[in-house]
Protein backbone atom coordinates (compact mmCIF):
# COMPACT_ATOMS: atom_id res chain seq x y z
CA UNK A 1 33.10 7.58 -5.01
CA UNK A 2 33.49 9.58 -8.22
CA UNK A 3 32.74 8.12 -11.66
CA UNK A 4 36.13 9.33 -12.90
CA UNK A 5 37.92 7.64 -9.99
CA UNK A 6 36.16 4.35 -10.64
CA UNK A 7 36.99 4.58 -14.35
CA UNK A 8 40.66 5.17 -13.63
CA UNK A 9 40.67 2.18 -11.29
CA UNK A 10 38.83 -0.02 -13.81
CA UNK A 11 41.24 0.79 -16.65
CA UNK A 12 44.15 -0.63 -14.65
CA UNK A 13 42.65 -4.12 -14.59
CA UNK A 14 39.85 -4.29 -17.23
CA UNK A 15 40.60 -3.65 -20.94
CA UNK A 16 39.31 -0.16 -21.65
CA UNK A 17 37.86 -0.08 -18.15
CA UNK A 18 34.64 -1.78 -19.31
CA UNK A 19 33.28 -5.24 -20.03
CA UNK A 20 31.47 -4.26 -23.24
CA UNK A 21 32.96 -1.64 -25.60
CA UNK A 22 30.14 0.92 -25.94
CA UNK A 23 30.13 1.42 -22.17
CA UNK A 24 33.52 3.14 -22.39
CA UNK A 25 31.91 6.36 -23.77
CA UNK A 26 34.57 6.55 -26.47
CA UNK A 27 31.87 7.28 -29.06
CA UNK A 28 30.68 10.34 -27.13
CA UNK A 29 33.77 11.26 -25.09
CA UNK A 30 34.24 11.64 -21.37
CA UNK A 31 34.20 9.14 -18.53
CA UNK A 32 31.40 6.58 -18.32
CA UNK A 33 28.81 6.68 -15.58
CA UNK A 34 29.10 3.89 -12.99
CA UNK A 35 25.70 2.87 -11.65
CA UNK A 36 24.82 1.51 -8.23
CA UNK A 37 21.07 0.95 -8.22
CA UNK A 38 17.91 1.25 -10.29
CA UNK A 39 14.16 1.37 -9.78
CA UNK A 40 11.34 1.84 -12.26
CA UNK A 41 12.47 4.33 -14.93
CA UNK A 42 15.44 5.61 -12.90
CA UNK A 43 19.12 4.90 -12.31
CA UNK A 44 21.43 6.22 -9.58
CA UNK A 45 25.17 6.53 -10.14
CA UNK A 46 28.15 6.19 -7.79
CA UNK A 47 27.87 9.89 -6.94
CA UNK A 48 24.21 9.54 -5.94
CA UNK A 49 22.83 11.34 -9.02
CA UNK A 50 19.51 10.18 -10.41
CA UNK A 51 18.85 9.71 -14.15
CA UNK A 52 15.81 8.92 -16.27
CA UNK A 53 16.93 5.81 -18.12
CA UNK A 54 16.34 5.30 -21.84
CA UNK A 55 18.85 2.46 -22.26
CA UNK A 56 17.06 -0.12 -20.11
CA UNK A 57 20.11 -2.39 -19.96
CA UNK A 58 19.97 -2.29 -23.79
CA UNK A 59 16.40 -3.53 -23.95
CA UNK A 60 15.40 -6.12 -21.34
CA UNK A 61 13.92 -3.77 -18.74
CA UNK A 62 10.60 -3.33 -20.55
CA UNK A 63 8.66 -3.50 -17.26
CA UNK A 64 11.06 -1.08 -15.56
CA UNK A 65 14.00 -1.74 -13.26
CA UNK A 66 13.70 -4.02 -10.20
CA UNK A 67 10.01 -4.68 -10.73
CA UNK A 68 8.75 -6.20 -7.46
CA UNK A 69 7.26 -9.29 -9.13
CA UNK A 70 10.46 -10.01 -11.04
CA UNK A 71 12.62 -9.49 -7.96
CA UNK A 72 10.39 -11.79 -5.91
CA UNK A 73 10.61 -14.51 -8.57
CA UNK A 74 14.39 -14.23 -8.68
CA UNK A 75 14.70 -14.35 -4.90
CA UNK A 76 12.48 -17.43 -4.67
CA UNK A 77 14.43 -19.22 -7.41
CA UNK A 78 17.81 -18.29 -5.89
CA UNK A 79 16.68 -19.66 -2.53
CA UNK A 80 16.06 -23.03 -4.18
CA UNK A 81 19.24 -23.19 -6.29
CA UNK A 82 21.55 -20.99 -8.32
CA UNK A 83 22.22 -23.61 -10.98
CA UNK A 84 21.66 -27.29 -11.64
CA UNK A 85 23.23 -27.91 -15.04
CA UNK A 86 20.27 -30.25 -15.45
CA UNK A 87 16.64 -29.97 -16.63
CA UNK A 88 14.04 -28.01 -14.65
CA UNK A 89 10.30 -27.44 -14.97
CA UNK A 90 10.89 -23.70 -15.30
CA UNK A 91 12.73 -24.00 -18.59
CA UNK A 92 9.85 -26.04 -20.02
CA UNK A 93 7.43 -23.32 -18.94
CA UNK A 94 9.57 -20.61 -20.52
CA UNK A 95 9.85 -22.55 -23.79
CA UNK A 96 6.09 -23.17 -23.80
CA UNK A 97 5.43 -19.48 -23.19
CA UNK A 98 7.71 -18.44 -26.03
CA UNK A 99 6.07 -20.91 -28.43
CA UNK A 100 2.63 -19.63 -27.44
CA UNK A 101 3.50 -15.96 -27.93
CA UNK A 102 5.85 -15.90 -30.94
CA UNK A 103 4.12 -17.04 -34.17
CA UNK A 104 7.00 -18.94 -35.80
CA UNK A 105 8.17 -20.98 -32.81
CA UNK A 106 7.41 -24.69 -32.83
CA UNK A 107 10.44 -25.76 -30.79
CA UNK A 108 12.91 -23.73 -28.70
CA UNK A 109 16.45 -24.21 -27.36
CA UNK A 110 17.41 -21.94 -24.45
CA UNK A 111 20.95 -20.55 -24.37
CA UNK A 112 22.75 -17.93 -22.29
CA UNK A 113 22.99 -14.89 -24.58
CA UNK A 114 21.78 -13.33 -27.80
CA UNK A 115 25.19 -13.92 -29.38
CA UNK A 116 24.94 -17.61 -28.57
CA UNK A 117 21.44 -17.71 -30.03
CA UNK A 118 22.44 -16.14 -33.36
CA UNK A 119 25.58 -18.28 -33.58
CA UNK A 120 23.43 -21.38 -33.11
CA UNK A 121 20.87 -20.19 -35.67
CA UNK A 122 23.60 -19.73 -38.30
CA UNK A 123 24.98 -23.20 -37.58
CA UNK A 124 21.49 -24.68 -37.79
CA UNK A 125 20.83 -22.99 -41.15
CA UNK A 126 24.04 -24.39 -42.56
CA UNK A 127 23.52 -27.83 -41.06
CA UNK A 128 19.94 -28.02 -42.30
CA UNK A 129 20.65 -26.88 -45.87
CA UNK A 130 24.14 -28.30 -46.37
CA UNK A 131 25.20 -24.90 -47.74
CA UNK A 132 27.75 -22.39 -46.48
CA UNK A 133 26.79 -18.83 -47.50
CA UNK A 134 24.96 -16.52 -45.10
CA UNK A 135 23.49 -13.15 -46.09
CA UNK A 136 23.51 -10.36 -43.52
CA UNK A 137 22.92 -6.62 -43.85
CA UNK A 138 25.22 -3.66 -43.36
CA UNK A 139 24.57 -2.03 -40.01
CA UNK A 140 22.77 -5.00 -38.46
CA UNK A 141 24.54 -6.50 -35.45
CA UNK A 142 23.99 -10.11 -34.44
CA UNK A 143 26.50 -10.62 -31.67
CA UNK A 144 30.22 -11.23 -31.83
CA UNK A 145 30.42 -14.68 -33.46
CA UNK A 146 33.17 -14.77 -36.10
CA UNK A 147 30.96 -15.23 -39.17
CA UNK A 148 28.81 -12.24 -38.19
CA UNK A 149 31.60 -9.73 -37.47
CA UNK A 150 31.79 -8.89 -41.14
CA UNK A 151 31.51 -5.61 -43.03
CA UNK A 152 30.51 -5.08 -46.64
CA UNK A 153 32.89 -6.03 -49.43
CA UNK A 154 34.31 -3.49 -51.83
CA UNK A 155 31.68 -3.93 -54.56
CA UNK A 156 28.22 -5.21 -55.32
CA UNK A 157 27.67 -8.83 -54.32
CA UNK A 158 31.20 -9.30 -53.05
CA UNK A 159 31.70 -11.37 -49.96
CA UNK A 160 32.43 -9.61 -46.70
CA UNK A 161 35.66 -8.64 -45.03
CA UNK A 162 36.43 -9.16 -41.33
CA UNK A 163 35.41 -6.18 -39.18
CA UNK A 164 37.38 -7.42 -36.17
CA UNK A 165 40.93 -8.59 -35.71
CA UNK A 166 41.01 -12.31 -35.03
CA UNK A 167 38.31 -13.17 -37.58
CA UNK A 168 39.86 -15.29 -40.36
CA UNK A 169 39.30 -14.04 -43.90
CA UNK A 170 38.17 -17.57 -44.80
CA UNK A 171 35.33 -17.25 -42.29
CA UNK A 172 34.25 -13.85 -43.59
CA UNK A 173 34.33 -15.23 -47.12
CA UNK A 174 31.18 -17.22 -46.41
CA UNK A 175 29.17 -14.11 -45.47
CA UNK A 176 27.57 -11.88 -48.09
CA UNK A 177 26.81 -8.36 -46.81
CA UNK A 178 24.01 -6.44 -48.52
CA UNK A 179 22.31 -3.07 -48.00
CA UNK A 180 19.43 -3.05 -45.50
CA UNK A 181 16.12 -2.11 -47.14
CA UNK A 182 17.31 -2.86 -50.69
CA UNK A 183 15.19 -5.75 -52.02
CA UNK A 184 16.76 -5.52 -55.50
CA UNK A 185 20.15 -6.51 -54.09
CA UNK A 186 18.55 -9.47 -52.32
CA UNK A 187 16.92 -10.68 -55.52
CA UNK A 188 20.18 -10.29 -57.43
CA UNK A 189 22.12 -12.23 -54.78
CA UNK A 190 19.69 -15.13 -54.90
CA UNK A 191 19.61 -15.09 -58.71
CA UNK A 192 23.41 -15.44 -58.82
CA UNK A 193 24.13 -17.55 -55.75
CA UNK A 194 20.82 -19.08 -54.67
CA UNK A 195 22.07 -22.66 -54.57
CA UNK A 196 24.92 -21.63 -52.23
CA UNK A 197 22.89 -19.60 -49.73
CA UNK A 198 22.13 -21.38 -46.45
CA UNK A 199 20.22 -18.51 -44.89
CA UNK A 200 19.50 -14.84 -44.42
CA UNK A 201 19.79 -13.22 -40.99
CA UNK A 202 18.24 -9.82 -40.34
CA UNK A 203 17.08 -7.54 -37.58
CA UNK A 204 13.50 -7.05 -38.82
CA UNK A 205 13.70 -3.63 -37.20
CA UNK A 206 17.33 -2.57 -37.06
CA UNK A 207 18.38 -1.31 -33.64
CA UNK A 208 22.16 -1.43 -33.75
CA UNK A 209 22.72 1.37 -36.26
CA UNK A 210 20.18 3.45 -34.37
CA UNK A 211 16.54 2.61 -35.15
CA UNK A 212 15.89 1.87 -38.83
CA UNK A 213 12.46 0.60 -39.85
CA UNK A 214 12.01 -1.93 -42.65
CA UNK A 215 10.88 -0.39 -45.94
CA UNK A 216 7.66 -1.65 -47.50
CA UNK A 217 8.35 -4.93 -49.29
CA UNK A 218 11.83 -5.54 -47.85
CA UNK A 219 10.99 -8.25 -45.32
CA UNK A 220 8.46 -9.73 -47.75
CA UNK A 221 11.21 -10.08 -50.35
CA UNK A 222 13.44 -11.91 -47.87
CA UNK A 223 10.64 -14.36 -47.15
CA UNK A 224 9.86 -14.91 -50.83
CA UNK A 225 13.46 -15.44 -51.91
CA UNK A 226 14.30 -17.78 -49.03
CA UNK A 227 11.20 -19.86 -49.78
CA UNK A 228 11.94 -19.96 -53.50
CA UNK A 229 15.56 -21.08 -53.03
CA UNK A 230 15.24 -23.32 -49.97
CA UNK A 231 17.23 -20.98 -47.71
CA UNK A 232 16.52 -20.40 -44.01
CA UNK A 233 15.14 -16.99 -43.03
CA UNK A 234 16.37 -15.97 -39.56
CA UNK A 235 14.80 -13.05 -37.71
CA UNK A 236 17.13 -11.74 -35.03
CA UNK A 237 14.53 -10.57 -32.53
CA UNK A 238 16.92 -10.34 -29.60
CA UNK A 239 16.09 -6.65 -29.46
CA UNK A 240 12.63 -6.49 -31.07
CA UNK A 241 11.14 -9.52 -29.31
CA UNK A 242 8.36 -8.31 -26.95
CA UNK A 243 9.46 -4.73 -27.67
CA UNK A 244 7.71 -3.90 -30.96
CA UNK A 245 4.72 -6.19 -30.25
CA UNK A 246 3.80 -9.06 -27.95
CA UNK A 247 4.73 -11.57 -30.66
CA UNK A 248 7.72 -9.59 -31.88
CA UNK A 249 8.32 -7.94 -35.24
CA UNK A 250 7.13 -11.06 -37.04
CA UNK A 251 3.71 -10.65 -35.45
CA UNK A 252 3.62 -6.92 -36.15
CA UNK A 253 4.54 -7.30 -39.83
CA UNK A 254 2.84 -10.64 -40.43
CA UNK A 255 5.93 -12.43 -41.75
CA UNK A 256 6.92 -15.87 -40.48
CA UNK A 257 10.67 -16.61 -40.39
CA UNK A 258 12.07 -20.13 -40.28
CA UNK A 259 14.21 -19.43 -37.21
CA UNK A 260 14.00 -16.71 -34.58
CA UNK A 261 16.58 -15.63 -32.03
CA UNK A 262 15.48 -14.04 -28.76
CA UNK A 263 17.12 -12.53 -25.69
CA UNK A 264 16.84 -9.33 -23.62
CA UNK A 265 13.22 -9.37 -22.38
CA UNK A 266 13.02 -13.17 -22.00
CA UNK A 267 15.65 -12.90 -19.26
CA UNK A 268 14.15 -9.90 -17.50
CA UNK A 269 17.64 -8.47 -16.97
CA UNK A 270 19.48 -11.77 -16.43
CA UNK A 271 21.48 -13.59 -19.13
CA UNK A 272 19.14 -15.70 -21.30
CA UNK A 273 18.84 -16.27 -25.02
CA UNK A 274 16.83 -18.60 -27.21
CA UNK A 275 16.73 -19.93 -30.74
CA UNK A 276 13.56 -21.48 -32.07
CA UNK A 277 11.47 -22.05 -35.15
CA UNK A 278 10.35 -24.78 -37.51
CA UNK A 279 10.25 -28.23 -35.97
CA UNK A 280 12.07 -29.89 -38.88
CA UNK A 281 14.98 -27.45 -38.56
CA UNK A 282 15.11 -27.56 -34.76
CA UNK A 283 15.26 -31.36 -34.83
CA UNK A 284 18.69 -31.04 -36.46
CA UNK A 285 20.16 -29.79 -33.18
CA UNK A 286 21.91 -32.18 -30.77
CA UNK A 287 20.95 -34.56 -29.24
CA UNK A 288 18.34 -35.19 -31.98
CA UNK A 289 20.55 -34.22 -34.89
CA UNK A 290 24.11 -33.54 -36.04
CA UNK A 291 24.24 -29.76 -35.30
CA UNK A 292 26.04 -29.41 -31.97
CA UNK A 293 25.21 -26.87 -29.30
CA UNK A 294 25.64 -27.09 -25.52
CA UNK A 295 25.88 -24.86 -22.47
CA UNK A 296 26.30 -25.50 -18.75
CA UNK A 297 24.16 -22.49 -17.81
CA UNK A 298 21.54 -22.85 -20.56
CA UNK A 299 18.13 -22.63 -18.90
CA UNK A 300 19.63 -21.33 -15.66
CA UNK A 301 16.79 -21.48 -13.08
CA UNK A 302 17.27 -17.95 -11.71
CA UNK A 303 17.38 -16.36 -15.16
CA UNK A 304 14.39 -18.43 -16.29
CA UNK A 305 12.40 -17.25 -13.27
CA UNK A 306 13.17 -13.61 -14.12
CA UNK A 307 12.10 -14.20 -17.72
CA UNK A 308 8.84 -15.91 -16.82
CA UNK A 309 7.91 -13.13 -14.39
CA UNK A 310 8.71 -10.46 -16.98
CA UNK A 311 6.71 -12.16 -19.73
CA UNK A 312 3.74 -12.44 -17.38
CA UNK A 313 3.86 -8.66 -16.96
CA UNK A 314 4.27 -8.08 -20.68
CA UNK A 315 1.17 -10.18 -21.42
CA UNK A 316 -1.06 -7.92 -19.33
CA UNK A 317 -3.94 -6.27 -21.22
CA UNK A 318 -2.95 -3.04 -23.00
CA UNK A 319 0.68 -3.32 -21.80
CA UNK A 320 2.13 -2.69 -25.25
CA UNK A 321 -0.51 -0.13 -26.18
CA UNK A 322 0.39 2.00 -23.16
CA UNK A 323 4.17 1.81 -23.47
CA UNK A 324 3.97 2.46 -27.21
CA UNK A 325 1.89 5.59 -26.57
CA UNK A 326 4.47 6.80 -24.03
CA UNK A 327 7.27 6.21 -26.51
CA UNK A 328 5.40 8.08 -29.22
CA UNK A 329 4.84 11.03 -26.87
CA UNK A 330 8.59 11.12 -26.20
CA UNK A 331 9.69 11.21 -29.85
CA UNK A 332 6.98 13.68 -30.89
CA UNK A 333 7.97 15.93 -28.00
CA UNK A 334 11.65 15.75 -28.87
CA UNK A 335 10.94 16.64 -32.50
CA UNK A 336 8.84 19.61 -31.38
CA UNK A 337 11.56 20.90 -29.05
CA UNK A 338 14.20 20.51 -31.76
CA UNK A 339 12.08 22.43 -34.24
CA UNK A 340 11.59 25.24 -31.75
CA UNK A 341 15.36 25.43 -31.30
CA UNK A 342 15.99 25.39 -35.07
CA UNK A 343 17.93 22.11 -34.88
CA UNK A 344 18.18 19.72 -37.80
CA UNK A 345 16.67 16.70 -36.11
CA UNK A 346 14.23 13.83 -36.55
CA UNK A 347 12.92 10.99 -34.43
CA UNK A 348 10.72 7.93 -34.77
CA UNK A 349 9.52 4.96 -32.77
CA UNK A 350 7.96 1.53 -33.04
CA UNK A 351 6.58 -0.23 -30.00
CA UNK A 352 8.79 0.83 -27.10
CA UNK A 353 11.92 1.35 -29.22
CA UNK A 354 12.91 4.79 -30.54
CA UNK A 355 15.58 6.52 -32.55
CA UNK A 356 16.83 10.12 -32.52
CA UNK A 357 18.85 11.51 -35.43
CA UNK A 358 20.59 14.79 -36.11
CA UNK A 359 19.36 14.58 -39.68
CA UNK A 360 16.34 16.06 -41.44
CA UNK A 361 14.53 12.71 -41.81
CA UNK A 362 14.87 9.27 -40.21
CA UNK A 363 17.43 7.13 -42.04
CA UNK A 364 16.45 4.10 -44.13
CA UNK A 365 19.88 2.51 -44.51
CA UNK A 366 23.35 2.29 -43.00
CA UNK A 367 24.60 4.88 -45.49
CA UNK A 368 21.93 7.34 -44.39
CA UNK A 369 22.68 6.66 -40.72
CA UNK A 370 26.27 7.68 -41.45
CA UNK A 371 24.99 11.05 -42.70
CA UNK A 372 23.75 12.00 -39.22
CA UNK A 373 25.64 14.76 -37.40
CA UNK A 374 27.50 12.68 -34.83
CA UNK A 375 29.26 15.66 -33.23
CA UNK A 376 25.90 17.35 -32.62
CA UNK A 377 24.56 14.14 -31.09
CA UNK A 378 27.58 13.88 -28.79
CA UNK A 379 27.05 17.42 -27.50
CA UNK A 380 23.33 16.75 -27.04
CA UNK A 381 24.08 13.49 -25.18
CA UNK A 382 26.29 15.25 -22.64
CA UNK A 383 23.85 18.13 -22.17
CA UNK A 384 21.07 15.62 -21.48
CA UNK A 385 23.33 13.67 -19.14
CA UNK A 386 24.04 16.85 -17.15
CA UNK A 387 20.29 17.28 -16.78
CA UNK A 388 19.70 13.75 -15.53
CA UNK A 389 18.66 11.96 -18.73
CA UNK A 390 20.61 8.84 -19.68
CA UNK A 391 20.56 8.11 -23.41
CA UNK A 392 22.60 5.44 -25.17
CA UNK A 393 26.23 6.69 -25.31
CA UNK A 394 26.40 6.36 -29.08
CA UNK A 395 24.67 7.96 -32.05
CA UNK A 396 24.20 4.48 -33.49
CA UNK A 397 22.03 2.80 -30.86
CA UNK A 398 18.26 2.63 -30.46
CA UNK A 399 16.65 3.83 -27.24
CA UNK A 400 14.10 2.07 -25.05
CA UNK A 401 11.11 3.16 -22.96
CA UNK A 402 9.65 1.02 -20.18
CA UNK A 403 6.18 0.62 -18.74
CA UNK A 404 7.48 2.46 -15.67
CA UNK A 405 7.99 5.66 -17.68
CA UNK A 406 5.03 7.98 -17.33
CA UNK A 407 3.97 11.52 -18.09
CA UNK A 408 6.21 12.95 -15.36
CA UNK A 409 9.34 11.33 -16.81
CA UNK A 410 8.47 12.39 -20.36
CA UNK A 411 7.82 15.98 -19.25
CA UNK A 412 11.12 16.09 -17.35
CA UNK A 413 12.94 14.68 -20.39
CA UNK A 414 11.43 17.25 -22.71
CA UNK A 415 12.33 20.11 -20.37
CA UNK A 416 15.91 18.85 -20.40
CA UNK A 417 15.83 18.54 -24.19
CA UNK A 418 14.57 22.11 -24.58
CA UNK A 419 17.68 23.36 -22.79
CA UNK A 420 20.00 20.84 -24.45
CA UNK A 421 18.89 21.70 -27.99
CA UNK A 422 19.47 25.39 -27.32
CA UNK A 423 23.13 24.88 -26.34
CA UNK A 424 24.27 21.63 -28.01
């Protein structure tokens, strides 16, 4: 079965032929690849072609695809039950594990997705403070809840505008969109509107406008201003959790948020999310408090089993040290190959996340991300795809390395890049 044939068939019955927009390849052009199986660092498509995978299902496959221990845990759980819609011991164990590993977590509520986790965190911040305004940052993505699908307003400190049809302007009007890595704007916002601000939500390492690292002092300013004004600081660690360090970005940077959202790795490839943090805030959630949240599949036993097995692997000695070294070897090798080819290019990594940019230096903001040569990236993406390397099909997404990637995969990737840079 050809990828193009499957795409034509899908478009007749699924909007855009995909069930999540970036999969449609519209950012890079061409027909998307339809995959059939995966193992370790590799994927195989419907035509039987093998690829080295640097998407990792957008982050969760930190141990590699179909890890035997994760598969065994899923099979055992599925043999007992697919769902109860009732409490299980496994969800307690997962919550206990998260609280032990992530510094800020005192209590945790499991949900079914990262979007659900961030939506709940926003509601909790508002319910806890009795305020309405949320600050988010241009280029950071926190799922598709209405109040977070907001782009920057037309001027400094103006409230946001809807970035999706179907989002009421009144909803967007409660979200203030600032520039990532600009602490002066944060201080100014709190000085002018501090008694209205319920919380600040941020990707501590941005991964949805490609990889953008926090500038020195930026996260510290968020913590200081939220503390000073009684606002709730929310770290969206759906992507960074267990990717940039065992305890997430908050452990790596030594900053304790009030609430944290998690996903990806804690489900090991199955749909799980979590919101957790300070006990006094978490006690505001139903059934203890007035902030409502519910979900039939929250704490699903099969997904919980996958998450527990994955976290056990992630906790192994030197796990993060090894995968971080592999990721660093990848980005340093790519930069070297680009330089040899005379390409304007840069790359960087943190933990097992990486970014590649057709720009002289890694970007520090959304505006700088927009300066990257997207056409050059698109050509490079397709040249790499031809050579069996699967990168994210967008110039604005971070990449991921797994513990299953080794020297052989990095060498093969760099050989492909050498050819791709020379023709893209």
